[in-house]
PDB file of all heavy atoms in Angstrom:
ATOM      1  N   GLN A   1       3.324  -0.087  14.840  1.00  0.00           N
ATOM      2  CA  GLN A   1       2.880  -1.470  14.747  1.00  0.00           C
ATOM      3  C   GLN A   1       3.652  -2.217  13.656  1.00  0.00           C
ATOM      4  O   GLN A   1       4.017  -3.390  13.826  1.00  0.00           O
ATOM      5  CB  GLN A   1       1.380  -1.531  14.459  1.00  0.00           C
ATOM      6  CG  GLN A   1       0.775  -2.933  14.553  1.00  0.00           C
ATOM      7  CD  GLN A   1       0.876  -3.510  15.950  1.00  0.00           C
ATOM      8  OE1 GLN A   1       0.514  -2.867  16.925  1.00  0.00           O
ATOM      9  NE2 GLN A   1       1.408  -4.728  16.061  1.00  0.00           N
ATOM     10  N   ALA A   2       3.912  -1.519  12.554  1.00  0.00           N
ATOM     11  CA  ALA A   2       4.651  -2.141  11.447  1.00  0.00           C
ATOM     12  C   ALA A   2       6.060  -2.522  11.887  1.00  0.00           C
ATOM     13  O   ALA A   2       6.595  -3.560  11.474  1.00  0.00           O
ATOM     14  CB  ALA A   2       4.699  -1.190  10.252  1.00  0.00           C
ATOM     15  N   ILE A   3       6.670  -1.689  12.726  1.00  0.00           N
ATOM     16  CA  ILE A   3       8.007  -2.014  13.258  1.00  0.00           C
ATOM     17  C   ILE A   3       7.914  -3.276  14.122  1.00  0.00           C
ATOM     18  O   ILE A   3       8.712  -4.217  13.971  1.00  0.00           O
ATOM     19  CB  ILE A   3       8.572  -0.834  14.060  1.00  0.00           C
ATOM     20  CG1 ILE A   3       8.871   0.347  13.130  1.00  0.00           C
ATOM     21  CG2 ILE A   3       9.849  -1.252  14.803  1.00  0.00           C
ATOM     22  CD1 ILE A   3       9.206   1.641  13.851  1.00  0.00           C
ATOM     23  N   ASP A   4       6.922  -3.299  15.012  1.00  0.00           N
ATOM     24  CA  ASP A   4       6.762  -4.460  15.892  1.00  0.00           C
ATOM     25  C   ASP A   4       6.434  -5.731  15.114  1.00  0.00           C
ATOM     26  O   ASP A   4       6.806  -6.835  15.522  1.00  0.00           O
ATOM     27  CB  ASP A   4       5.650  -4.194  16.926  1.00  0.00           C
ATOM     28  CG  ASP A   4       6.050  -3.144  17.960  1.00  0.00           C
ATOM     29  OD1 ASP A   4       7.268  -2.909  18.126  1.00  0.00           O
ATOM     30  OD2 ASP A   4       5.146  -2.555  18.586  1.00  0.00           O
ATOM     31  N   ASP A   5       5.739  -5.544  13.993  1.00  0.00           N
ATOM     32  CA  ASP A   5       5.360  -6.702  13.177  1.00  0.00           C
ATOM     33  C   ASP A   5       6.433  -7.065  12.148  1.00  0.00           C
ATOM     34  O   ASP A   5       6.194  -7.879  11.252  1.00  0.00           O
ATOM     35  CB  ASP A   5       4.036  -6.424  12.453  1.00  0.00           C
ATOM     36  CG  ASP A   5       2.847  -6.366  13.416  1.00  0.00           C
ATOM     37  OD1 ASP A   5       2.996  -6.814  14.568  1.00  0.00           O
ATOM     38  OD2 ASP A   5       1.780  -5.859  13.010  1.00  0.00           O
ATOM     39  N   ASN A   6       7.581  -6.439  12.276  1.00  0.00           N
ATOM     40  CA  ASN A   6       8.759  -6.762  11.442  1.00  0.00           C
ATOM     41  C   ASN A   6       8.572  -6.514   9.950  1.00  0.00           C
ATOM     42  O   ASN A   6       9.060  -7.284   9.112  1.00  0.00           O
ATOM     43  CB  ASN A   6       9.194  -8.213  11.686  1.00  0.00           C
ATOM     44  CG  ASN A   6       9.631  -8.423  13.127  1.00  0.00           C
ATOM     45  OD1 ASN A   6      10.487  -7.690  13.626  1.00  0.00           O
ATOM     46  ND2 ASN A   6       9.033  -9.390  13.797  1.00  0.00           N
ATOM     47  N   PHE A   7       7.913  -5.415   9.625  1.00  0.00           N
ATOM     48  CA  PHE A   7       7.875  -4.984   8.223  1.00  0.00           C
ATOM     49  C   PHE A   7       9.184  -4.231   7.941  1.00  0.00           C
ATOM     50  O   PHE A   7       9.207  -3.023   7.732  1.00  0.00           O
ATOM     51  CB  PHE A   7       6.662  -4.085   7.968  1.00  0.00           C
ATOM     52  CG  PHE A   7       5.387  -4.845   7.815  1.00  0.00           C
ATOM     53  CD1 PHE A   7       4.561  -5.061   8.914  1.00  0.00           C
ATOM     54  CD2 PHE A   7       5.013  -5.364   6.576  1.00  0.00           C
ATOM     55  CE1 PHE A   7       3.369  -5.774   8.770  1.00  0.00           C
ATOM     56  CE2 PHE A   7       3.836  -6.072   6.431  1.00  0.00           C
ATOM     57  CZ  PHE A   7       3.009  -6.287   7.538  1.00  0.00           C
ATOM     58  N   SER A   8      10.262  -4.991   7.949  1.00  0.00           N
ATOM     59  CA  SER A   8      11.593  -4.373   7.897  1.00  0.00           C
ATOM     60  C   SER A   8      12.458  -4.931   6.770  1.00  0.00           C
ATOM     61  O   SER A   8      13.677  -4.777   6.769  1.00  0.00           O
ATOM     62  CB  SER A   8      12.313  -4.568   9.243  1.00  0.00           C
ATOM     63  OG  SER A   8      12.261  -5.923   9.640  1.00  0.00           O
ATOM     64  N   PHE A   9      11.807  -5.563   5.820  1.00  0.00           N
ATOM     65  CA  PHE A   9      12.540  -6.158   4.696  1.00  0.00           C
ATOM     66  C   PHE A   9      12.240  -5.374   3.412  1.00  0.00           C
ATOM     67  O   PHE A   9      11.318  -4.566   3.359  1.00  0.00           O
ATOM     68  CB  PHE A   9      12.132  -7.627   4.531  1.00  0.00           C
ATOM     69  CG  PHE A   9      12.431  -8.461   5.742  1.00  0.00           C
ATOM     70  CD1 PHE A   9      11.476  -8.631   6.739  1.00  0.00           C
ATOM     71  CD2 PHE A   9      13.683  -9.046   5.902  1.00  0.00           C
ATOM     72  CE1 PHE A   9      11.754  -9.390   7.875  1.00  0.00           C
ATOM     73  CE2 PHE A   9      13.971  -9.820   7.030  1.00  0.00           C
ATOM     74  CZ  PHE A   9      13.001  -9.986   8.022  1.00  0.00           C
ATOM     75  N   TYR A  10      13.042  -5.626   2.389  1.00  0.00           N
ATOM     76  CA  TYR A  10      12.785  -4.989   1.098  1.00  0.00           C
ATOM     77  C   TYR A  10      11.329  -5.218   0.681  1.00  0.00           C
ATOM     78  O   TYR A  10      10.788  -6.314   0.858  1.00  0.00           O
ATOM     79  CB  TYR A  10      13.668  -5.588   0.000  1.00  0.00           C
ATOM     80  CG  TYR A  10      15.127  -5.252   0.071  1.00  0.00           C
ATOM     81  CD1 TYR A  10      16.089  -6.265  -0.104  1.00  0.00           C
ATOM     82  CD2 TYR A  10      15.576  -3.956   0.269  1.00  0.00           C
ATOM     83  CE1 TYR A  10      17.446  -5.978  -0.071  1.00  0.00           C
ATOM     84  CE2 TYR A  10      16.932  -3.664   0.304  1.00  0.00           C
ATOM     85  CZ  TYR A  10      17.866  -4.676   0.139  1.00  0.00           C
ATOM     86  OH  TYR A  10      19.196  -4.399   0.174  1.00  0.00           O
ATOM     87  N   THR A  11      10.762  -4.202   0.071  1.00  0.00           N
ATOM     88  CA  THR A  11       9.431  -4.377  -0.522  1.00  0.00           C
ATOM     89  C   THR A  11       9.595  -4.544  -2.031  1.00  0.00           C
ATOM     90  O   THR A  11      10.685  -4.330  -2.572  1.00  0.00           O
ATOM     91  CB  THR A  11       8.532  -3.150  -0.247  1.00  0.00           C
ATOM     92  OG1 THR A  11       8.935  -2.070  -1.113  1.00  0.00           O
ATOM     93  CG2 THR A  11       8.620  -2.705   1.202  1.00  0.00           C
ATOM     94  N   ALA A  12       8.508  -4.888  -2.687  1.00  0.00           N
ATOM     95  CA  ALA A  12       8.530  -4.882  -4.152  1.00  0.00           C
ATOM     96  C   ALA A  12       8.892  -3.468  -4.611  1.00  0.00           C
ATOM     97  O   ALA A  12       8.566  -2.480  -3.938  1.00  0.00           O
ATOM     98  CB  ALA A  12       7.167  -5.281  -4.692  1.00  0.00           C
ATOM     99  N   VAL A  13       9.557  -3.357  -5.748  1.00  0.00           N
ATOM    100  CA  VAL A  13       9.998  -2.042  -6.236  1.00  0.00           C
ATOM    101  C   VAL A  13       8.846  -1.040  -6.301  1.00  0.00           C
ATOM    102  O   VAL A  13       8.995   0.105  -5.845  1.00  0.00           O
ATOM    103  CB  VAL A  13      10.700  -2.172  -7.609  1.00  0.00           C
ATOM    104  CG1 VAL A  13      10.932  -0.796  -8.228  1.00  0.00           C
ATOM    105  CG2 VAL A  13      12.025  -2.909  -7.451  1.00  0.00           C
ATOM    106  N   PRO A  14       7.667  -1.396  -6.844  1.00  0.00           N
ATOM    107  CA  PRO A  14       6.588  -0.403  -6.915  1.00  0.00           C
ATOM    108  C   PRO A  14       5.809  -0.244  -5.615  1.00  0.00           C
ATOM    109  O   PRO A  14       4.831   0.500  -5.577  1.00  0.00           O
ATOM    110  CB  PRO A  14       5.684  -0.947  -8.019  1.00  0.00           C
ATOM    111  CG  PRO A  14       5.915  -2.409  -8.026  1.00  0.00           C
ATOM    112  CD  PRO A  14       7.331  -2.622  -7.580  1.00  0.00           C
ATOM    113  N   GLY A  15       6.247  -0.915  -4.540  1.00  0.00           N
ATOM    114  CA  GLY A  15       5.580  -0.771  -3.254  1.00  0.00           C
ATOM    115  C   GLY A  15       4.760  -1.990  -2.872  1.00  0.00           C
ATOM    116  O   GLY A  15       4.467  -2.852  -3.708  1.00  0.00           O
ATOM    117  N   TYR A  16       4.392  -2.071  -1.596  1.00  0.00           N
ATOM    118  CA  TYR A  16       3.547  -3.164  -1.135  1.00  0.00           C
ATOM    119  C   TYR A  16       2.250  -3.214  -1.939  1.00  0.00           C
ATOM    120  O   TYR A  16       1.637  -2.171  -2.215  1.00  0.00           O
ATOM    121  CB  TYR A  16       3.162  -2.974   0.336  1.00  0.00           C
ATOM    122  CG  TYR A  16       4.236  -3.326   1.340  1.00  0.00           C
ATOM    123  CD1 TYR A  16       4.612  -2.404   2.320  1.00  0.00           C
ATOM    124  CD2 TYR A  16       4.842  -4.578   1.356  1.00  0.00           C
ATOM    125  CE1 TYR A  16       5.572  -2.715   3.274  1.00  0.00           C
ATOM    126  CE2 TYR A  16       5.808  -4.904   2.293  1.00  0.00           C
ATOM    127  CZ  TYR A  16       6.172  -3.977   3.258  1.00  0.00           C
ATOM    128  OH  TYR A  16       7.121  -4.281   4.185  1.00  0.00           O
ATOM    129  N   MET A  17       1.807  -4.416  -2.249  1.00  0.00           N
ATOM    130  CA  MET A  17       0.536  -4.562  -2.953  1.00  0.00           C
ATOM    131  C   MET A  17      -0.606  -4.012  -2.103  1.00  0.00           C
ATOM    132  O   MET A  17      -1.558  -3.416  -2.630  1.00  0.00           O
ATOM    133  CB  MET A  17       0.284  -6.036  -3.302  1.00  0.00           C
ATOM    134  CG  MET A  17      -1.009  -6.284  -4.055  1.00  0.00           C
ATOM    135  SD  MET A  17      -1.139  -5.352  -5.613  1.00  0.00           S
ATOM    136  CE  MET A  17      -0.017  -6.302  -6.655  1.00  0.00           C
ATOM    137  N   SER A  18      -0.522  -4.181  -0.787  1.00  0.00           N
ATOM    138  CA  SER A  18      -1.589  -3.680   0.089  1.00  0.00           C
ATOM    139  C   SER A  18      -1.702  -2.155  -0.001  1.00  0.00           C
ATOM    140  O   SER A  18      -2.812  -1.605   0.024  1.00  0.00           O
ATOM    141  CB  SER A  18      -1.336  -4.102   1.537  1.00  0.00           C
ATOM    142  OG  SER A  18      -0.041  -3.691   1.969  1.00  0.00           O
ATOM    143  N   LEU A  19      -0.576  -1.451  -0.124  1.00  0.00           N
ATOM    144  CA  LEU A  19      -0.618   0.007  -0.266  1.00  0.00           C
ATOM    145  C   LEU A  19      -1.145   0.392  -1.644  1.00  0.00           C
ATOM    146  O   LEU A  19      -1.963   1.312  -1.776  1.00  0.00           O
ATOM    147  CB  LEU A  19       0.774   0.608  -0.046  1.00  0.00           C
ATOM    148  CG  LEU A  19       0.899   2.116  -0.309  1.00  0.00           C
ATOM    149  CD1 LEU A  19      -0.116   2.918   0.499  1.00  0.00           C
ATOM    150  CD2 LEU A  19       2.329   2.602   0.004  1.00  0.00           C
ATOM    151  N   ARG A  20      -0.714  -0.315  -2.673  1.00  0.00           N
ATOM    152  CA  ARG A  20      -1.205   0.004  -4.021  1.00  0.00           C
ATOM    153  C   ARG A  20      -2.700  -0.280  -4.138  1.00  0.00           C
ATOM    154  O   ARG A  20      -3.421   0.442  -4.837  1.00  0.00           O
ATOM    155  CB  ARG A  20      -0.395  -0.754  -5.071  1.00  0.00           C
ATOM    156  CG  ARG A  20       1.001  -0.147  -5.253  1.00  0.00           C
ATOM    157  CD  ARG A  20       1.790  -0.842  -6.341  1.00  0.00           C
ATOM    158  NE  ARG A  20       2.332  -2.107  -5.877  1.00  0.00           N
ATOM    159  CZ  ARG A  20       2.523  -3.177  -6.636  1.00  0.00           C
ATOM    160  NH1 ARG A  20       2.189  -3.132  -7.932  1.00  0.00           N
ATOM    161  NH2 ARG A  20       3.043  -4.275  -6.146  1.00  0.00           N
ATOM    162  N   ASN A  21      -3.171  -1.305  -3.431  1.00  0.00           N
ATOM    163  CA  ASN A  21      -4.615  -1.554  -3.379  1.00  0.00           C
ATOM    164  C   ASN A  21      -5.340  -0.394  -2.698  1.00  0.00           C
ATOM    165  O   ASN A  21      -6.418   0.030  -3.132  1.00  0.00           O
ATOM    166  CB  ASN A  21      -4.911  -2.852  -2.618  1.00  0.00           C
ATOM    167  CG  ASN A  21      -4.815  -4.090  -3.507  1.00  0.00           C
ATOM    168  OD1 ASN A  21      -5.216  -4.054  -4.667  1.00  0.00           O
ATOM    169  ND2 ASN A  21      -4.280  -5.181  -2.977  1.00  0.00           N
ATOM    170  N   ALA A  22      -4.743   0.126  -1.628  1.00  0.00           N
ATOM    171  CA  ALA A  22      -5.349   1.247  -0.896  1.00  0.00           C
ATOM    172  C   ALA A  22      -5.396   2.503  -1.774  1.00  0.00           C
ATOM    173  O   ALA A  22      -6.385   3.245  -1.757  1.00  0.00           O
ATOM    174  CB  ALA A  22      -4.562   1.526   0.387  1.00  0.00           C
ATOM    175  N   ILE A  23      -4.342   2.729  -2.546  1.00  0.00           N
ATOM    176  CA  ILE A  23      -4.303   3.889  -3.453  1.00  0.00           C
ATOM    177  C   ILE A  23      -5.326   3.709  -4.574  1.00  0.00           C
ATOM    178  O   ILE A  23      -6.048   4.643  -4.936  1.00  0.00           O
ATOM    179  CB  ILE A  23      -2.889   4.085  -4.020  1.00  0.00           C
ATOM    180  CG1 ILE A  23      -1.911   4.482  -2.902  1.00  0.00           C
ATOM    181  CG2 ILE A  23      -2.885   5.145  -5.127  1.00  0.00           C
ATOM    182  CD1 ILE A  23      -0.443   4.417  -3.303  1.00  0.00           C
ATOM    183  N   SER A  24      -5.400   2.501  -5.104  1.00  0.00           N
ATOM    184  CA  SER A  24      -6.375   2.199  -6.155  1.00  0.00           C
ATOM    185  C   SER A  24      -7.797   2.466  -5.652  1.00  0.00           C
ATOM    186  O   SER A  24      -8.620   3.070  -6.356  1.00  0.00           O
ATOM    187  CB  SER A  24      -6.231   0.734  -6.589  1.00  0.00           C
ATOM    188  OG  SER A  24      -7.217   0.381  -7.526  1.00  0.00           O
ATOM    189  N   ALA A  25      -8.063   2.052  -4.419  1.00  0.00           N
ATOM    190  CA  ALA A  25      -9.392   2.265  -3.829  1.00  0.00           C
ATOM    191  C   ALA A  25      -9.645   3.755  -3.598  1.00  0.00           C
ATOM    192  O   ALA A  25     -10.765   4.246  -3.809  1.00  0.00           O
ATOM    193  CB  ALA A  25      -9.511   1.501  -2.511  1.00  0.00           C
ATOM    194  N   LYS A  26      -8.628   4.487  -3.173  1.00  0.00           N
ATOM    195  CA  LYS A  26      -8.755   5.931  -2.968  1.00  0.00           C
ATOM    196  C   LYS A  26      -9.099   6.639  -4.278  1.00  0.00           C
ATOM    197  O   LYS A  26      -9.968   7.508  -4.338  1.00  0.00           O
ATOM    198  CB  LYS A  26      -7.456   6.492  -2.393  1.00  0.00           C
ATOM    199  CG  LYS A  26      -7.396   8.032  -2.324  1.00  0.00           C
ATOM    200  CD  LYS A  26      -6.564   8.593  -3.485  1.00  0.00           C
ATOM    201  CE  LYS A  26      -6.394  10.080  -3.407  1.00  0.00           C
ATOM    202  NZ  LYS A  26      -7.332  10.895  -4.174  1.00  0.00           N
ATOM    203  N   LEU A  27      -8.401   6.269  -5.358  1.00  0.00           N
ATOM    204  CA  LEU A  27      -8.645   6.894  -6.660  1.00  0.00           C
ATOM    205  C   LEU A  27     -10.061   6.605  -7.152  1.00  0.00           C
ATOM    206  O   LEU A  27     -10.698   7.461  -7.761  1.00  0.00           O
ATOM    207  CB  LEU A  27      -7.600   6.412  -7.670  1.00  0.00           C
ATOM    208  CG  LEU A  27      -6.177   6.930  -7.434  1.00  0.00           C
ATOM    209  CD1 LEU A  27      -5.159   6.142  -8.268  1.00  0.00           C
ATOM    210  CD2 LEU A  27      -6.080   8.421  -7.758  1.00  0.00           C
ATOM    211  N   LYS A  28     -10.547   5.415  -6.875  1.00  0.00           N
ATOM    212  CA  LYS A  28     -11.921   5.050  -7.267  1.00  0.00           C
ATOM    213  C   LYS A  28     -12.925   5.817  -6.418  1.00  0.00           C
ATOM    214  O   LYS A  28     -13.889   6.413  -6.934  1.00  0.00           O
ATOM    215  CB  LYS A  28     -12.114   3.541  -7.083  1.00  0.00           C
ATOM    216  CG  LYS A  28     -13.515   3.047  -7.402  1.00  0.00           C
ATOM    217  CD  LYS A  28     -13.804   3.103  -8.886  1.00  0.00           C
ATOM    218  CE  LYS A  28     -15.126   2.452  -9.217  1.00  0.00           C
ATOM    219  NZ  LYS A  28     -15.480   2.639 -10.643  1.00  0.00           N
ATOM    220  N   ARG A  29     -12.697   5.832  -5.101  1.00  0.00           N
ATOM    221  CA  ARG A  29     -13.638   6.422  -4.139  1.00  0.00           C
ATOM    222  C   ARG A  29     -13.724   7.945  -4.278  1.00  0.00           C
ATOM    223  O   ARG A  29     -14.800   8.525  -4.305  1.00  0.00           O
ATOM    224  CB  ARG A  29     -13.178   6.037  -2.734  1.00  0.00           C
ATOM    225  CG  ARG A  29     -14.018   6.564  -1.586  1.00  0.00           C
ATOM    226  CD  ARG A  29     -13.484   6.061  -0.247  1.00  0.00           C
ATOM    227  NE  ARG A  29     -12.172   6.601   0.093  1.00  0.00           N
ATOM    228  CZ  ARG A  29     -11.063   5.890   0.197  1.00  0.00           C
ATOM    229  NH1 ARG A  29     -11.068   4.590  -0.032  1.00  0.00           N
ATOM    230  NH2 ARG A  29      -9.911   6.460   0.524  1.00  0.00           N
ATOM    231  N   GLU A  30     -12.570   8.592  -4.364  1.00  0.00           N
ATOM    232  CA  GLU A  30     -12.520  10.048  -4.324  1.00  0.00           C
ATOM    233  C   GLU A  30     -12.491  10.712  -5.694  1.00  0.00           C
ATOM    234  O   GLU A  30     -12.929  11.852  -5.844  1.00  0.00           O
ATOM    235  CB  GLU A  30     -11.294  10.515  -3.524  1.00  0.00           C
ATOM    236  CG  GLU A  30     -11.338  10.115  -2.068  1.00  0.00           C
ATOM    237  CD  GLU A  30     -10.138  10.607  -1.278  1.00  0.00           C
ATOM    238  OE1 GLU A  30      -9.244  11.256  -1.876  1.00  0.00           O
ATOM    239  OE2 GLU A  30     -10.096  10.341  -0.068  1.00  0.00           O
ATOM    240  N   ASN A  31     -11.945  10.012  -6.687  1.00  0.00           N
ATOM    241  CA  ASN A  31     -11.728  10.640  -7.990  1.00  0.00           C
ATOM    242  C   ASN A  31     -12.471   9.971  -9.133  1.00  0.00           C
ATOM    243  O   ASN A  31     -12.367  10.421 -10.277  1.00  0.00           O
ATOM    244  CB  ASN A  31     -10.225  10.677  -8.310  1.00  0.00           C
ATOM    245  CG  ASN A  31      -9.399  11.270  -7.187  1.00  0.00           C
ATOM    246  OD1 ASN A  31      -8.762  10.555  -6.431  1.00  0.00           O
ATOM    247  ND2 ASN A  31      -9.433  12.589  -7.048  1.00  0.00           N
ATOM    248  N   HIS A  32     -13.174   8.852  -8.836  1.00  0.00           N
ATOM    249  CA  HIS A  32     -13.936   8.118  -9.866  1.00  0.00           C
ATOM    250  C   HIS A  32     -13.025   7.631 -10.997  1.00  0.00           C
ATOM    251  O   HIS A  32     -13.409   7.637 -12.167  1.00  0.00           O
ATOM    252  CB  HIS A  32     -15.076   8.990 -10.426  1.00  0.00           C
ATOM    253  CG  HIS A  32     -15.789   9.785  -9.369  1.00  0.00           C
ATOM    254  ND1 HIS A  32     -16.539   9.183  -8.379  1.00  0.00           N
ATOM    255  CD2 HIS A  32     -15.843  11.121  -9.124  1.00  0.00           C
ATOM    256  CE1 HIS A  32     -17.039  10.113  -7.577  1.00  0.00           C
ATOM    257  NE2 HIS A  32     -16.628  11.287  -8.002  1.00  0.00           N
ATOM    258  N   LEU A  33     -11.819   7.224 -10.615  1.00  0.00           N
ATOM    259  CA  LEU A  33     -10.831   6.773 -11.586  1.00  0.00           C
ATOM    260  C   LEU A  33     -10.510   5.302 -11.366  1.00  0.00           C
ATOM    261  O   LEU A  33     -10.393   4.846 -10.218  1.00  0.00           O
ATOM    262  CB  LEU A  33      -9.549   7.595 -11.466  1.00  0.00           C
ATOM    263  CG  LEU A  33      -9.685   9.097 -11.776  1.00  0.00           C
ATOM    264  CD1 LEU A  33      -8.388   9.823 -11.454  1.00  0.00           C
ATOM    265  CD2 LEU A  33     -10.073   9.319 -13.236  1.00  0.00           C
TER     266      LEU A  33
END
């Protein structure tokens, strides 16, 4: 789907904010961090 939606450009160096938000939520949910 990401290919079809043209997520084909450079991202921010530390990664998409949406992915970092997902990781932040994972750390809170699973690790209480």
